[in-house]
Amino acid sequence: ELLMDLIRIIFAILLPPLGVFLQVGFGGAFWLNILLTLCGYIPGIVHAVYIIAK
C-alpha cells in the first residue's frame, strides 16, 4: 500500500493525470486534474498529490 502510494506520487509529479487515474480511475477528479494540468502544470501536481494523499 505504501509503495503503491509512493509510485502514484512519482507519477503525479511526472504526469499528474496519470497519478490521479491510478487512484480513482476515469472519475470527476481525473477530468478536473486534466483541466488543472492544462491551465498550469503546478496546479495539476498539487491536485494530484492531494487526491492520492487523502
N, C-alpha and C. Protein backbone atom coordinates (compact mmCIF):
# COMPACT_ATOMS: atom_id res chain seq x y z
N GLU A 1 0.84 -1.20 0.00
CA GLU A 1 0.00 0.00 0.00
C GLU A 1 0.88 1.25 0.00
N LEU A 2 1.84 1.32 0.90
CA LEU A 2 2.72 2.48 0.97
C LEU A 2 3.57 2.61 -0.29
N LEU A 3 4.08 1.49 -0.78
CA LEU A 3 4.88 1.51 -2.01
C LEU A 3 4.03 1.96 -3.19
N MET A 4 2.81 1.49 -3.27
CA MET A 4 1.93 1.89 -4.38
C MET A 4 1.61 3.39 -4.30
N ASP A 5 1.39 3.92 -3.09
CA ASP A 5 1.16 5.36 -2.95
C ASP A 5 2.39 6.15 -3.39
N LEU A 6 3.57 5.65 -3.06
CA LEU A 6 4.80 6.32 -3.48
C LEU A 6 4.92 6.33 -5.00
N ILE A 7 4.60 5.22 -5.63
CA ILE A 7 4.63 5.15 -7.10
C ILE A 7 3.62 6.12 -7.70
N ARG A 8 2.43 6.20 -7.11
CA ARG A 8 1.41 7.14 -7.61
C ARG A 8 1.87 8.59 -7.48
N ILE A 9 2.54 8.91 -6.37
CA ILE A 9 3.02 10.28 -6.17
C ILE A 9 4.11 10.61 -7.19
N ILE A 10 4.98 9.66 -7.48
CA ILE A 10 6.00 9.88 -8.52
C ILE A 10 5.33 10.14 -9.86
N PHE A 11 4.33 9.32 -10.20
CA PHE A 11 3.58 9.56 -11.44
C PHE A 11 2.88 10.91 -11.41
N ALA A 12 2.38 11.30 -10.23
CA ALA A 12 1.68 12.58 -10.10
C ALA A 12 2.61 13.75 -10.37
N ILE A 13 3.87 13.61 -10.02
CA ILE A 13 4.83 14.68 -10.28
C ILE A 13 5.22 14.71 -11.76
N LEU A 14 5.41 13.54 -12.35
CA LEU A 14 5.82 13.47 -13.75
C LEU A 14 4.67 13.76 -14.71
N LEU A 15 3.52 13.17 -14.43
CA LEU A 15 2.34 13.33 -15.29
C LEU A 15 1.10 13.28 -14.39
N PRO A 16 0.67 14.44 -13.88
CA PRO A 16 -0.39 14.46 -12.86
C PRO A 16 -1.66 13.66 -13.19
N PRO A 17 -2.22 13.74 -14.40
CA PRO A 17 -3.44 12.96 -14.65
C PRO A 17 -3.24 11.44 -14.50
N LEU A 18 -2.06 10.95 -14.80
CA LEU A 18 -1.80 9.52 -14.65
C LEU A 18 -1.86 9.11 -13.18
N GLY A 19 -1.28 9.91 -12.30
CA GLY A 19 -1.34 9.62 -10.87
C GLY A 19 -2.77 9.59 -10.35
N VAL A 20 -3.59 10.54 -10.81
CA VAL A 20 -5.00 10.58 -10.39
C VAL A 20 -5.75 9.39 -10.98
N PHE A 21 -5.49 9.06 -12.23
CA PHE A 21 -6.15 7.92 -12.86
C PHE A 21 -5.85 6.62 -12.10
N LEU A 22 -4.62 6.43 -11.69
CA LEU A 22 -4.26 5.22 -10.95
C LEU A 22 -4.97 5.15 -9.60
N GLN A 23 -5.32 6.31 -9.05
CA GLN A 23 -6.00 6.35 -7.75
C GLN A 23 -7.52 6.19 -7.88
N VAL A 24 -8.14 6.94 -8.81
CA VAL A 24 -9.61 6.99 -8.86
C VAL A 24 -10.22 6.55 -10.18
N GLY A 25 -9.42 6.32 -11.19
CA GLY A 25 -9.97 5.94 -12.49
C GLY A 25 -10.50 7.16 -13.25
N PHE A 26 -11.43 6.91 -14.18
CA PHE A 26 -11.96 7.98 -15.02
C PHE A 26 -13.12 8.70 -14.34
N GLY A 27 -12.90 9.22 -13.16
CA GLY A 27 -13.94 9.94 -12.44
C GLY A 27 -13.81 11.44 -12.65
N GLY A 28 -14.60 12.18 -11.91
CA GLY A 28 -14.57 13.63 -12.00
C GLY A 28 -13.22 14.22 -11.62
N ALA A 29 -12.56 13.61 -10.63
CA ALA A 29 -11.25 14.11 -10.20
C ALA A 29 -10.22 13.99 -11.32
N PHE A 30 -10.33 12.94 -12.13
CA PHE A 30 -9.41 12.77 -13.26
C PHE A 30 -9.57 13.89 -14.27
N TRP A 31 -10.82 14.20 -14.64
CA TRP A 31 -11.06 15.25 -15.63
C TRP A 31 -10.71 16.63 -15.08
N LEU A 32 -10.98 16.85 -13.80
CA LEU A 32 -10.58 18.11 -13.17
C LEU A 32 -9.07 18.25 -13.20
N ASN A 33 -8.36 17.16 -12.96
CA ASN A 33 -6.91 17.21 -12.97
C ASN A 33 -6.37 17.51 -14.37
N ILE A 34 -6.99 16.95 -15.38
CA ILE A 34 -6.56 17.27 -16.75
C ILE A 34 -6.73 18.77 -17.01
N LEU A 35 -7.87 19.33 -16.60
CA LEU A 35 -8.12 20.75 -16.77
C LEU A 35 -7.08 21.59 -16.01
N LEU A 36 -6.81 21.22 -14.76
CA LEU A 36 -5.83 21.96 -13.97
C LEU A 36 -4.43 21.85 -14.57
N THR A 37 -4.09 20.68 -15.08
CA THR A 37 -2.77 20.49 -15.69
C THR A 37 -2.64 21.33 -16.96
N LEU A 38 -3.71 21.42 -17.74
CA LEU A 38 -3.67 22.25 -18.94
C LEU A 38 -3.58 23.74 -18.61
N CYS A 39 -4.20 24.14 -17.50
CA CYS A 39 -4.14 25.54 -17.08
C CYS A 39 -2.78 25.90 -16.50
N GLY A 40 -2.13 24.94 -15.90
CA GLY A 40 -0.81 25.15 -15.30
C GLY A 40 -0.34 23.84 -14.69
N TYR A 41 0.88 23.52 -14.95
CA TYR A 41 1.41 22.22 -14.51
C TYR A 41 1.39 22.07 -12.99
N ILE A 42 1.74 23.13 -12.27
CA ILE A 42 1.82 23.07 -10.80
C ILE A 42 0.44 22.81 -10.17
N PRO A 43 -0.64 23.49 -10.58
CA PRO A 43 -1.94 23.16 -10.00
C PRO A 43 -2.33 21.70 -10.22
N GLY A 44 -1.96 21.14 -11.36
CA GLY A 44 -2.23 19.73 -11.62
C GLY A 44 -1.48 18.83 -10.66
N ILE A 45 -0.24 19.17 -10.37
CA ILE A 45 0.56 18.38 -9.42
C ILE A 45 -0.04 18.47 -8.02
N VAL A 46 -0.37 19.68 -7.60
CA VAL A 46 -0.93 19.86 -6.25
C VAL A 46 -2.23 19.07 -6.10
N HIS A 47 -3.09 19.16 -7.08
CA HIS A 47 -4.36 18.43 -7.03
C HIS A 47 -4.11 16.92 -7.01
N ALA A 48 -3.20 16.44 -7.84
CA ALA A 48 -2.92 15.00 -7.91
C ALA A 48 -2.38 14.49 -6.58
N VAL A 49 -1.44 15.21 -5.98
CA VAL A 49 -0.89 14.77 -4.69
C VAL A 49 -1.98 14.80 -3.62
N TYR A 50 -2.86 15.81 -3.66
CA TYR A 50 -3.97 15.87 -2.71
C TYR A 50 -4.89 14.65 -2.86
N ILE A 51 -5.25 14.31 -4.08
CA ILE A 51 -6.14 13.16 -4.32
C ILE A 51 -5.49 11.87 -3.84
N ILE A 52 -4.21 11.71 -4.08
CA ILE A 52 -3.52 10.49 -3.68
C ILE A 52 -3.35 10.43 -2.16
N ALA A 53 -3.07 11.57 -1.52
CA ALA A 53 -2.79 11.58 -0.09
C ALA A 53 -4.04 11.45 0.78
N LYS A 54 -5.21 11.83 0.25
CA LYS A 54 -6.41 11.80 1.11
C LYS A 54 -6.97 10.43 1.30
